[in-house]
C-alpha atoms as a PDB file:
ATOM      1  CA  UNK A   1      71.830  96.906 121.989  1.00  0.00           C
ATOM      2  CA  UNK A   2      72.302  99.444 119.192  1.00  0.00           C
ATOM      3  CA  UNK A   3      75.855 100.112 120.340  1.00  0.00           C
ATOM      4  CA  UNK A   4      76.603  96.380 120.321  1.00  0.00           C
ATOM      5  CA  UNK A   5      75.258  96.024 116.772  1.00  0.00           C
ATOM      6  CA  UNK A   6      77.333  98.984 115.582  1.00  0.00           C
ATOM      7  CA  UNK A   7      80.439  97.546 117.230  1.00  0.00           C
ATOM      8  CA  UNK A   8      79.780  94.185 115.562  1.00  0.00           C
ATOM      9  CA  UNK A   9      79.357  95.810 112.142  1.00  0.00           C
ATOM     10  CA  UNK A  10      82.579  97.765 112.592  1.00  0.00           C
ATOM     11  CA  UNK A  11      84.473  94.613 113.541  1.00  0.00           C
ATOM     12  CA  UNK A  12      83.147  92.930 110.401  1.00  0.00           C
ATOM     13  CA  UNK A  13      83.748  95.839 108.045  1.00  0.00           C
ATOM     14  CA  UNK A  14      87.176  96.996 109.217  1.00  0.00           C
ATOM     15  CA  UNK A  15      89.120  94.026 107.790  1.00  0.00           C
ATOM     16  CA  UNK A  16      87.333  94.472 104.459  1.00  0.00           C
ATOM     17  CA  UNK A  17      88.125  98.190 104.411  1.00  0.00           C
ATOM     18  CA  UNK A  18      91.749  97.491 105.292  1.00  0.00           C
ATOM     19  CA  UNK A  19      92.005  94.895 102.538  1.00  0.00           C
ATOM     20  CA  UNK A  20      90.422  97.252  99.998  1.00  0.00           C
ATOM     21  CA  UNK A  21      92.915  99.952 100.960  1.00  0.00           C
ATOM     22  CA  UNK A  22      95.852  97.584 100.520  1.00  0.00           C
ATOM     23  CA  UNK A  23      94.531  96.392  97.169  1.00  0.00           C
ATOM     24  CA  UNK A  24      94.217 100.002  96.042  1.00  0.00           C
ATOM     25  CA  UNK A  25      97.881 100.575  96.921  1.00  0.00           C
ATOM     26  CA  UNK A  26      98.802  97.465  94.941  1.00  0.00           C
ATOM     27  CA  UNK A  27      96.950  98.858  91.909  1.00  0.00           C
ATOM     28  CA  UNK A  28      98.816 102.174  92.147  1.00  0.00           C
ATOM     29  CA  UNK A  29     102.101 100.291  92.496  1.00  0.00           C
ATOM     30  CA  UNK A  30     101.221  98.252  89.413  1.00  0.00           C
ATOM     31  CA  UNK A  31     100.648 101.501  87.524  1.00  0.00           C
ATOM     32  CA  UNK A  32     104.011 102.804  88.744  1.00  0.00           C
ATOM     33  CA  UNK A  33     105.707  99.634  87.546  1.00  0.00           C
ATOM     34  CA  UNK A  34     104.102 100.040  84.127  1.00  0.00           C
ATOM     35  CA  UNK A  35     105.212 103.670  83.869  1.00  0.00           C
ATOM     36  CA  UNK A  36     108.790 102.784  84.757  1.00  0.00           C
ATOM     37  CA  UNK A  37     108.694  99.992  82.182  1.00  0.00           C
ATOM     38  CA  UNK A  38     107.394 102.421  79.560  1.00  0.00           C
ATOM     39  CA  UNK A  39     110.290 104.755  80.342  1.00  0.00           C
ATOM     40  CA  UNK A  40     112.751 101.884  79.957  1.00  0.00           C
ATOM     41  CA  UNK A  41     111.122 100.750  76.710  1.00  0.00           C
ATOM     42  CA  UNK A  42     111.243 104.264  75.238  1.00  0.00           C
ATOM     43  CA  UNK A  43     114.889 104.537  76.211  1.00  0.00           C
ATOM     44  CA  UNK A  44     115.628 101.176  74.583  1.00  0.00           C
ATOM     45  CA  UNK A  45     113.859 102.184  71.375  1.00  0.00           C
ATOM     46  CA  UNK A  46     116.007 105.293  71.159  1.00  0.00           C
ATOM     47  CA  UNK A  47     119.170 103.312  71.846  1.00  0.00           C
ATOM     48  CA  UNK A  48     118.550 100.341  69.547  1.00  0.00           C
ATOM     49  CA  UNK A  49     117.537  97.923  72.286  1.00  0.00           C
ATOM     50  CA  UNK A  50     120.110  98.863  74.916  1.00  0.00           C
ATOM     51  CA  UNK A  51     119.173  99.427  78.543  1.00  0.00           C
ATOM     52  CA  UNK A  52     120.386 102.519  80.409  1.00  0.00           C
ATOM     53  CA  UNK A  53     124.139 102.076  80.812  1.00  0.00           C
ATOM     54  CA  UNK A  54     125.826 101.319  84.087  1.00  0.00           C
ATOM     55  CA  UNK A  55     129.474 101.991  84.757  1.00  0.00           C
ATOM     56  CA  UNK A  56     129.734  98.833  86.838  1.00  0.00           C
ATOM     57  CA  UNK A  57     129.398  95.300  85.544  1.00  0.00           C
ATOM     58  CA  UNK A  58     130.787  91.840  86.133  1.00  0.00           C
ATOM     59  CA  UNK A  59     133.341  92.686  83.448  1.00  0.00           C
ATOM     60  CA  UNK A  60     134.251  96.091  84.862  1.00  0.00           C
ATOM     61  CA  UNK A  61     134.563  96.267  88.632  1.00  0.00           C
ATOM     62  CA  UNK A  62     134.927 100.044  88.831  1.00  0.00           C
ATOM     63  CA  UNK A  63     132.681 101.524  91.554  1.00  0.00           C
ATOM     64  CA  UNK A  64     129.473 103.234  90.477  1.00  0.00           C
ATOM     65  CA  UNK A  65     128.285 106.515  91.925  1.00  0.00           C
ATOM     66  CA  UNK A  66     124.666 106.862  92.934  1.00  0.00           C
ATOM     67  CA  UNK A  67     124.046 109.555  90.328  1.00  0.00           C
ATOM     68  CA  UNK A  68     124.930 107.048  87.577  1.00  0.00           C
ATOM     69  CA  UNK A  69     122.324 104.432  88.483  1.00  0.00           C
ATOM     70  CA  UNK A  70     119.783 103.465  85.813  1.00  0.00           C
ATOM     71  CA  UNK A  71     116.738 105.232  87.222  1.00  0.00           C
ATOM     72  CA  UNK A  72     118.433 108.606  86.977  1.00  0.00           C
ATOM     73  CA  UNK A  73     119.069 107.946  83.282  1.00  0.00           C
ATOM     74  CA  UNK A  74     115.320 107.937  82.644  1.00  0.00           C
ATOM     75  CA  UNK A  75     114.538 111.278  84.271  1.00  0.00           C
ATOM     76  CA  UNK A  76     113.225 113.637  83.011  1.00  0.00           C
ATOM     77  CA  UNK A  77     113.223 112.713  79.304  1.00  0.00           C
ATOM     78  CA  UNK A  78     111.760 109.220  79.595  1.00  0.00           C
ATOM     79  CA  UNK A  79     110.020 109.415  82.960  1.00  0.00           C
ATOM     80  CA  UNK A  80     108.665 112.796  83.933  1.00  0.00           C
ATOM     81  CA  UNK A  81     107.564 112.207  87.517  1.00  0.00           C
ATOM     82  CA  UNK A  82     110.062 110.611  89.929  1.00  0.00           C
ATOM     83  CA  UNK A  83     107.209 109.995  92.383  1.00  0.00           C
ATOM     84  CA  UNK A  84     106.402 106.800  90.462  1.00  0.00           C
ATOM     85  CA  UNK A  85     109.653 105.326  91.784  1.00  0.00           C
ATOM     86  CA  UNK A  86     108.012 104.921  95.208  1.00  0.00           C
ATOM     87  CA  UNK A  87     105.417 102.251  95.986  1.00  0.00           C
ATOM     88  CA  UNK A  88     102.532 103.697  98.054  1.00  0.00           C
ATOM     89  CA  UNK A  89     102.663 100.620 100.301  1.00  0.00           C
ATOM     90  CA  UNK A  90     106.349 101.019 101.079  1.00  0.00           C
ATOM     91  CA  UNK A  91     106.520 101.657 104.836  1.00  0.00           C
ATOM     92  CA  UNK A  92     109.478 104.002 104.273  1.00  0.00           C
ATOM     93  CA  UNK A  93     107.953 105.976 101.395  1.00  0.00           C
ATOM     94  CA  UNK A  94     108.124 109.244 103.364  1.00  0.00           C
ATOM     95  CA  UNK A  95     111.910 108.922 103.620  1.00  0.00           C
ATOM     96  CA  UNK A  96     112.551 108.709  99.879  1.00  0.00           C
ATOM     97  CA  UNK A  97     114.468 111.624  98.369  1.00  0.00           C
ATOM     98  CA  UNK A  98     114.963 111.496  94.615  1.00  0.00           C
ATOM     99  CA  UNK A  99     117.482 114.320  94.390  1.00  0.00           C
ATOM    100  CA  UNK A 100     119.321 113.042  97.495  1.00  0.00           C
ATOM    101  CA  UNK A 101     121.404 116.159  98.045  1.00  0.00           C
ATOM    102  CA  UNK A 102     124.447 115.435 100.160  1.00  0.00           C
ATOM    103  CA  UNK A 103     125.546 118.142 102.538  1.00  0.00           C
ATOM    104  CA  UNK A 104     127.975 119.843 102.645  1.00  0.00           C
ATOM    105  CA  UNK A 105     128.635 120.600  99.014  1.00  0.00           C
ATOM    106  CA  UNK A 106     125.034 120.666  97.791  1.00  0.00           C
ATOM    107  CA  UNK A 107     125.709 117.728  95.457  1.00  0.00           C
ATOM    108  CA  UNK A 108     122.570 116.294  93.878  1.00  0.00           C
ATOM    109  CA  UNK A 109     121.960 112.547  93.718  1.00  0.00           C
ATOM    110  CA  UNK A 110     124.958 111.766  95.878  1.00  0.00           C
ATOM    111  CA  UNK A 111     123.543 111.041  99.327  1.00  0.00           C
ATOM    112  CA  UNK A 112     123.639 107.275  99.805  1.00  0.00           C
ATOM    113  CA  UNK A 113     122.077 107.554 103.260  1.00  0.00           C
ATOM    114  CA  UNK A 114     118.571 108.031 101.818  1.00  0.00           C
ATOM    115  CA  UNK A 115     116.607 105.809  99.407  1.00  0.00           C
ATOM    116  CA  UNK A 116     115.712 107.223  96.000  1.00  0.00           C
ATOM    117  CA  UNK A 117     114.162 104.353  94.038  1.00  0.00           C
ATOM    118  CA  UNK A 118     111.845 101.606  95.232  1.00  0.00           C
ATOM    119  CA  UNK A 119     112.038  99.472  92.079  1.00  0.00           C
ATOM    120  CA  UNK A 120     114.912  97.352  90.868  1.00  0.00           C
ATOM    121  CA  UNK A 121     116.094  95.769  87.640  1.00  0.00           C
ATOM    122  CA  UNK A 122     116.855  92.089  87.259  1.00  0.00           C
ATOM    123  CA  UNK A 123     120.399  91.684  88.592  1.00  0.00           C
ATOM    124  CA  UNK A 124     121.339  89.587  85.592  1.00  0.00           C
ATOM    125  CA  UNK A 125     120.452  92.318  83.123  1.00  0.00           C
ATOM    126  CA  UNK A 126     121.734  95.012  85.469  1.00  0.00           C
ATOM    127  CA  UNK A 127     125.220  93.596  85.996  1.00  0.00           C
ATOM    128  CA  UNK A 128     126.056  90.765  83.619  1.00  0.00           C
ATOM    129  CA  UNK A 129     126.143  92.548  80.302  1.00  0.00           C
ATOM    130  CA  UNK A 130     128.317  94.124  77.688  1.00  0.00           C
ATOM    131  CA  UNK A 131     130.837  96.667  78.958  1.00  0.00           C
ATOM    132  CA  UNK A 132     128.337  99.453  79.554  1.00  0.00           C
ATOM    133  CA  UNK A 133     124.850  98.202  78.793  1.00  0.00           C
ATOM    134  CA  UNK A 134     122.686  95.226  77.864  1.00  0.00           C
ATOM    135  CA  UNK A 135     120.772  94.771  74.618  1.00  0.00           C
ATOM    136  CA  UNK A 136     117.391  93.302  75.504  1.00  0.00           C
ATOM    137  CA  UNK A 137     116.251  92.960  71.908  1.00  0.00           C
ATOM    138  CA  UNK A 138     119.355  91.006  70.944  1.00  0.00           C
ATOM    139  CA  UNK A 139     119.647  88.546  73.808  1.00  0.00           C
ATOM    140  CA  UNK A 140     116.281  88.004  75.520  1.00  0.00           C
ATOM    141  CA  UNK A 141     114.564  85.136  73.695  1.00  0.00           C
ATOM    142  CA  UNK A 142     111.502  84.694  75.904  1.00  0.00           C
ATOM    143  CA  UNK A 143     110.502  88.204  77.045  1.00  0.00           C
ATOM    144  CA  UNK A 144     107.197  87.054  78.503  1.00  0.00           C
ATOM    145  CA  UNK A 145     108.980  84.730  80.935  1.00  0.00           C
ATOM    146  CA  UNK A 146     112.017  86.859  81.780  1.00  0.00           C
ATOM    147  CA  UNK A 147     111.926  89.134  84.826  1.00  0.00           C
ATOM    148  CA  UNK A 148     112.787  92.734  84.016  1.00  0.00           C
ATOM    149  CA  UNK A 149     111.998  94.609  87.220  1.00  0.00           C
ATOM    150  CA  UNK A 150     110.129  94.460  90.508  1.00  0.00           C
ATOM    151  CA  UNK A 151     109.434  96.509  93.587  1.00  0.00           C
ATOM    152  CA  UNK A 152     111.918  95.994  96.384  1.00  0.00           C
ATOM    153  CA  UNK A 153     112.129  96.039 100.148  1.00  0.00           C
ATOM    154  CA  UNK A 154     113.171  95.314 102.749  1.00  0.00           C
ATOM    155  CA  UNK A 155     110.078  96.413 104.654  1.00  0.00           C
ATOM    156  CA  UNK A 156     111.328  95.504 108.115  1.00  0.00           C
ATOM    157  CA  UNK A 157     114.334  97.833 108.099  1.00  0.00           C
ATOM    158  CA  UNK A 158     115.666 100.807 106.200  1.00  0.00           C
ATOM    159  CA  UNK A 159     119.425 100.582 106.142  1.00  0.00           C
ATOM    160  CA  UNK A 160     121.429 103.753 105.926  1.00  0.00           C
ATOM    161  CA  UNK A 161     124.863 102.181 105.621  1.00  0.00           C
ATOM    162  CA  UNK A 162     126.114 102.249 101.996  1.00  0.00           C
ATOM    163  CA  UNK A 163     126.801  98.924 100.326  1.00  0.00           C
ATOM    164  CA  UNK A 164     130.161 100.335  99.267  1.00  0.00           C
ATOM    165  CA  UNK A 165     131.862 103.707  99.313  1.00  0.00           C
ATOM    166  CA  UNK A 166     129.667 105.254  96.615  1.00  0.00           C
ATOM    167  CA  UNK A 167     126.819 102.760  96.183  1.00  0.00           C
ATOM    168  CA  UNK A 168     123.539 103.339  97.951  1.00  0.00           C
ATOM    169  CA  UNK A 169     121.941 101.239 100.633  1.00  0.00           C
ATOM    170  CA  UNK A 170     120.794  97.703  99.940  1.00  0.00           C
ATOM    171  CA  UNK A 171     118.737  97.159  98.097  1.00  0.00           C
ATOM    172  CA  UNK A 172     116.838 100.242  97.002  1.00  0.00           C
ATOM    173  CA  UNK A 173     119.517 102.628  95.831  1.00  0.00           C
ATOM    174  CA  UNK A 174     121.340 100.011  93.821  1.00  0.00           C
ATOM    175  CA  UNK A 175     118.216  99.726  91.712  1.00  0.00           C
ATOM    176  CA  UNK A 176     118.503  95.956  91.447  1.00  0.00           C
ATOM    177  CA  UNK A 177     116.862  92.730  92.519  1.00  0.00           C
ATOM    178  CA  UNK A 178     119.195  89.787  93.063  1.00  0.00           C
ATOM    179  CA  UNK A 179     118.341  86.167  92.406  1.00  0.00           C
ATOM    180  CA  UNK A 180     119.370  84.954  95.848  1.00  0.00           C
ATOM    181  CA  UNK A 181     118.752  86.214  99.366  1.00  0.00           C
ATOM    182  CA  UNK A 182     121.642  88.638  99.096  1.00  0.00           C
ATOM    183  CA  UNK A 183     123.594  86.887 101.851  1.00  0.00           C
ATOM    184  CA  UNK A 184     127.301  87.549 101.565  1.00  0.00           C
ATOM    185  CA  UNK A 185     130.271  87.046 103.838  1.00  0.00           C
ATOM    186  CA  UNK A 186     130.360  90.817 104.243  1.00  0.00           C
ATOM    187  CA  UNK A 187     126.606  91.435 104.488  1.00  0.00           C
ATOM    188  CA  UNK A 188     124.061  89.890 106.832  1.00  0.00           C
ATOM    189  CA  UNK A 189     121.254  92.459 106.777  1.00  0.00           C
ATOM    190  CA  UNK A 190     117.681  92.119 105.488  1.00  0.00           C
ATOM    191  CA  UNK A 191     117.171  91.376 101.813  1.00  0.00           C
ATOM    192  CA  UNK A 192     115.008  92.863  99.093  1.00  0.00           C
ATOM    193  CA  UNK A 193     112.112  90.392  98.853  1.00  0.00           C
ATOM    194  CA  UNK A 194     108.899  91.689 100.406  1.00  0.00           C
ATOM    195  CA  UNK A 195     105.273  90.579 100.721  1.00  0.00           C
ATOM    196  CA  UNK A 196     103.776  94.046 101.084  1.00  0.00           C
ATOM    197  CA  UNK A 197     100.762  93.578  98.804  1.00  0.00           C
ATOM    198  CA  UNK A 198      98.844  91.022 100.839  1.00  0.00           C
ATOM    199  CA  UNK A 199     101.593  88.453 100.385  1.00  0.00           C
ATOM    200  CA  UNK A 200     102.663  89.515  96.898  1.00  0.00           C
ATOM    201  CA  UNK A 201     104.665  92.069  94.903  1.00  0.00           C
ATOM    202  CA  UNK A 202     104.414  93.570  91.426  1.00  0.00           C
ATOM    203  CA  UNK A 203     106.841  92.394  88.778  1.00  0.00           C
ATOM    204  CA  UNK A 204     107.249  93.336  85.126  1.00  0.00           C
ATOM    205  CA  UNK A 205     108.467  90.888  82.525  1.00  0.00           C
ATOM    206  CA  UNK A 206     110.526  92.069  79.558  1.00  0.00           C
ATOM    207  CA  UNK A 207     107.427  92.115  77.323  1.00  0.00           C
ATOM    208  CA  UNK A 208     105.821  94.756  79.573  1.00  0.00           C
ATOM    209  CA  UNK A 209     103.244  92.552  81.291  1.00  0.00           C
ATOM    210  CA  UNK A 210     102.723  93.382  84.961  1.00  0.00           C
ATOM    211  CA  UNK A 211     102.440  90.350  87.239  1.00  0.00           C
ATOM    212  CA  UNK A 212     101.214  90.223  90.814  1.00  0.00           C
ATOM    213  CA  UNK A 213     103.496  87.504  92.130  1.00  0.00           C
ATOM    214  CA  UNK A 214     102.873  85.753  95.427  1.00  0.00           C
ATOM    215  CA  UNK A 215     106.089  85.981  97.387  1.00  0.00           C
ATOM    216  CA  UNK A 216     104.857  84.812 100.763  1.00  0.00           C
ATOM    217  CA  UNK A 217     104.857  81.235  99.471  1.00  0.00           C
ATOM    218  CA  UNK A 218     108.433  81.656  98.230  1.00  0.00           C
ATOM    219  CA  UNK A 219     109.594  82.893 101.607  1.00  0.00           C
ATOM    220  CA  UNK A 220     107.750  80.137 103.460  1.00  0.00           C
ATOM    221  CA  UNK A 221     109.250  77.480 101.209  1.00  0.00           C
ATOM    222  CA  UNK A 222     112.732  78.854 101.779  1.00  0.00           C
ATOM    223  CA  UNK A 223     112.215  78.714 105.538  1.00  0.00           C
ATOM    224  CA  UNK A 224     110.987  75.137 105.292  1.00  0.00           C
ATOM    225  CA  UNK A 225     113.357  73.710 102.664  1.00  0.00           C
ATOM    226  CA  UNK A 226     116.171  76.204 102.267  1.00  0.00           C
ATOM    227  CA  UNK A 227     117.406  77.554  98.927  1.00  0.00           C
ATOM    228  CA  UNK A 228     117.522  75.225  95.948  1.00  0.00           C
ATOM    229  CA  UNK A 229     118.979  75.711  92.465  1.00  0.00           C
ATOM    230  CA  UNK A 230     116.466  77.172  90.020  1.00  0.00           C
ATOM    231  CA  UNK A 231     117.281  74.723  87.273  1.00  0.00           C
ATOM    232  CA  UNK A 232     114.045  75.327  85.307  1.00  0.00           C
ATOM    233  CA  UNK A 233     115.946  78.360  84.006  1.00  0.00           C
ATOM    234  CA  UNK A 234     117.989  75.937  81.915  1.00  0.00           C
ATOM    235  CA  UNK A 235     115.083  75.011  79.656  1.00  0.00           C
ATOM    236  CA  UNK A 236     116.700  76.376  76.495  1.00  0.00           C
ATOM    237  CA  UNK A 237     120.245  75.138  76.969  1.00  0.00           C
ATOM    238  CA  UNK A 238     123.240  75.716  79.191  1.00  0.00           C
ATOM    239  CA  UNK A 239     122.116  78.188  81.797  1.00  0.00           C
ATOM    240  CA  UNK A 240     124.251  81.027  83.090  1.00  0.00           C
ATOM    241  CA  UNK A 241     123.354  80.171  86.677  1.00  0.00           C
ATOM    242  CA  UNK A 242     124.415  76.550  86.302  1.00  0.00           C
ATOM    243  CA  UNK A 243     127.796  77.607  84.982  1.00  0.00           C
ATOM    244  CA  UNK A 244     128.403  80.521  87.311  1.00  0.00           C
ATOM    245  CA  UNK A 245     127.138  79.095  90.574  1.00  0.00           C
ATOM    246  CA  UNK A 246     127.724  75.743  92.167  1.00  0.00           C
ATOM    247  CA  UNK A 247     127.290  74.111  95.521  1.00  0.00           C
ATOM    248  CA  UNK A 248     126.096  76.350  98.339  1.00  0.00           C
ATOM    249  CA  UNK A 249     125.993  79.386  96.058  1.00  0.00           C
ATOM    250  CA  UNK A 250     123.523  77.791  93.641  1.00  0.00           C
ATOM    251  CA  UNK A 251     120.464  79.151  95.377  1.00  0.00           C
ATOM    252  CA  UNK A 252     117.787  81.376  93.936  1.00  0.00           C
ATOM    253  CA  UNK A 253     114.521  83.039  94.720  1.00  0.00           C
ATOM    254  CA  UNK A 254     112.258  80.919  92.557  1.00  0.00           C
ATOM    255  CA  UNK A 255     109.269  82.498  90.812  1.00  0.00           C
ATOM    256  CA  UNK A 256     108.617  79.638  88.417  1.00  0.00           C
ATOM    257  CA  UNK A 257     105.115  79.276  89.888  1.00  0.00           C
ATOM    258  CA  UNK A 258     104.365  82.546  88.063  1.00  0.00           C
ATOM    259  CA  UNK A 259     106.281  81.337  84.978  1.00  0.00           C
ATOM    260  CA  UNK A 260     108.862  84.044  85.568  1.00  0.00           C
ATOM    261  CA  UNK A 261     112.599  83.382  85.513  1.00  0.00           C
ATOM    262  CA  UNK A 262     115.802  85.318  85.984  1.00  0.00           C
ATOM    263  CA  UNK A 263     117.107  84.002  82.705  1.00  0.00           C
ATOM    264  CA  UNK A 264     116.070  81.351  80.190  1.00  0.00           C
ATOM    265  CA  UNK A 265     118.614  79.668  77.985  1.00  0.00           C
ATOM    266  CA  UNK A 266     122.298  80.145  77.316  1.00  0.00           C
ATOM    267  CA  UNK A 267     123.631  83.426  78.648  1.00  0.00           C
ATOM    268  CA  UNK A 268     125.725  85.513  76.238  1.00  0.00           C
ATOM    269  CA  UNK A 269     129.397  85.757  77.082  1.00  0.00           C
ATOM    270  CA  UNK A 270     131.691  88.710  76.630  1.00  0.00           C
ATOM    271  CA  UNK A 271     135.464  89.041  76.627  1.00  0.00           C
END
């Protein structure tokens, strides 16, 4: 009888303990996200609003080496501990290698076969910008509603095939989150969106607020209805997405339920 009661109590308590453990990981991940944001903000203050530069943009199609990705620009001056780049709930956290030394040659931050950063910047800010960087202070009009960064997956597979000759694996080593499912004619693997925190992920908006965004509903809706244009992004005028994408390509992960958008208003254009 006593054994049966103990077994019953264990069966009742185990799910609660498991949930508490997962929530604790989500809290640590939220703290990581905030620390990375603080590093980015400090960098931007020192560089008059500009994000860490990238050698690759929509206006300059030169390949980018792994060592030149944004998260390496923050270390060690703006972010002292690279461990915060890894979410404790990431199932592949033990395989992360920040220095990513590629043998032979002993070259640091060059091995694209291992992940080095588990957080990504908004693809719009990461790629569609001035020749080398993007000025957040100048162009972001609604920082509280604009996605800056989020934790990334995929959690069902860890790809070791580089996205290109020098770029790291999708999607971790590129340090970006894309607005769509990442499907391309040349890529059919898993995409970045995950539900690792009990159906949610941590996101930071440009104003520094950390949001726990339910992604399981987004994924379910996509499976039921397919991708749809995220036209609420056009609230302040002609939207970049509406001009750049059309037809089958006008599809976006939609986080409007959390009042978070990839971009709000007219997107700046560059020569």
